[in-house]
Amino acid sequence: MPSAPLLSWPDYAVLLVVLAALVVIGGAFTRQQRDTVDFFLARRRVPWWAVALAFLATEVSAVTIISVPATAYSENWEYFQFFIGSSLAKLAVAYLFIPAFYRYQVTTIYEFLRHRFGQASQVTASIFFFVTRLAGSGVRLMAACLAVSILLGWPLPLAIAIFSLISILYIAMGGVKAVVWTNVFQALLFLAAGATTLLFVIEQVEGGLGAVVDLARAGGRLNVVNWGPAPGDADFFRRVLTDPNIIWIAILNGFIGSMAAFGTDHDLMQRLLTVETRRESQRTLSITPLGTLVTLIIYLGLGTGIFAFYAQHPHLPLSRPDEILPHFVGQVMPPFLRGLMLSAIVVASIDSPLGSLAASFVTDIYRPLLVRGRSERHYLFVSRVSVAIFGIVLALLAYAFSFFSQILWLAFKIAGVTFGSLLGVFLLGLLTTRPIADRANVIAMIVMALVNLVLLTLSETKVLVFAWSWLVIVGTFGTMALAIALSPLLRPRSATA
């Protein structure tokens, strides 16, 4: 890490303007927050196009901005295979999940589970969401703050503290409406900054785009499809269990994993519930793959371009792959452009889940279980306090994750432990009409999360040959099968279809 800041005053000016804009947006909506319907749903009056950009900003995050270029720089473009399955998952969520959420007029998606099964399923799913989202967002925040600490010369804890504070301020003031409109600002910023940086990188490579392609191809950095072994090969089953980048496995995992992320994670779904009608929400989610495609091309291209640049300049100092983009920005890019890319990284780190975490806590746990029958003013106050508390927890987790490497895959591994349980219980509610015991769901979710945690631990310690990418699939079908098997033993009650 550099001992002195790498930025000049134009860079700081861009960064300060961007940070001020976030707080101003949050402050602009403060007086519009009269109750929890305003704070968590914006009374479903947000334009669909704004929600589409907000969803893109939430989906992309600092992990994409930093770690996708790092993956293209050190590996190849095979990560693109996940995009195919992910896009199919968005269509599945749009036409399977969203109609149910609008039918029951939910504030959080876990209320659907209460209508379908009972309160125990709702509360358990909400707790799983807390664990998954806090851990995953801790990785995101750490990734961005690590980049900022490299460029500014700040200690990592200081960067985490500052950006966590900004998140708490604008979300506590403006609620989900502030979240959506800051997301719009963030999406436009990281698309513009990424495209500008990509053009700059190409210009810095002698021979331009053609040289980038030639150098990347020679270095094996342009591989997109991993066909994997043939079914008759001796190592077929070993490769299938250990290589997540084989195309059909990547598409399958992209589909199941993204269906879990988009359909059972309230942080992403919260944006889609702020539009007025079910049709608008479905249309919004259905067009988001276009924005994701553009973003992936830009940031995978960045990693490839940086690889070509350093291949032509082997005398220049390098950094570890997870830090290669901020390293390049700080060492090579000129003032203002450097500040623009830094600002994109910063706003991606500030796009936090605090609003959705507060919504789930107040709606699924505090209001129905802990303190009932109070005024909307009370619940609005508790919602804002919850934003602050979750912000502090998130900051502590981000610092803890700074001791890990390979950030991109770490985020997926964390989600793999619990997302299968969440998706399994949602699919039981959406695809079946059979009565499932509330307690059967709870036991099945907990058991399969523990099974996945054990599998991940054994895989990471090399005791078991097993790719983390299978975790969501195992958790999903395991939860469904176990809940169905246990239900007759736990005296199932009738449920509303």
Foldseek 3Di string as FASTA:
>chain_A
DDQAALADPLLVVLQVVLLVVLLVLLQVQQVVPPFVCCQQQVVQADALVLLLLLLLLLVCFLCNQQQLLLCLQVAAQLLCLLLLLLLVLLLCCLPFQLVLCVVVVDSFSLVSVCQFARLLSSVLLLVLLLQLQLLLLLLRLLLLLVLVCVNHVDDSLVSLVVLLVSLLNSSLRRHVSSLSNLSNVLSVLQLVLLQVLLQVLQVLFVVGPVLLVVLCVVVNSHDHADCADDPVDPCRVLCLFFPCSHNVNSSVLSNLVSNLVCRSNRLSCSSLSNHDDSVSSSVSSNPSSVSVVSSSCSSSSSSSSLSSNCVVVVVDDADNSSNRVSVCLSPPNDHPSSSSSSSSSSSSSSSGSLSRSLSSCLVSPCDPPNDHDDDSVVSSVSSSVSSSVSSVSSSVSSVVCNVDPSSSVVSVLSCLLQSLLSLQSVCCSRVDQDFFHSVQSSVQRVVLSVVLVVVSVCCVVVVDSGYSSCSSVSSNVSSNVSRVVCRVVVPTDHHDD
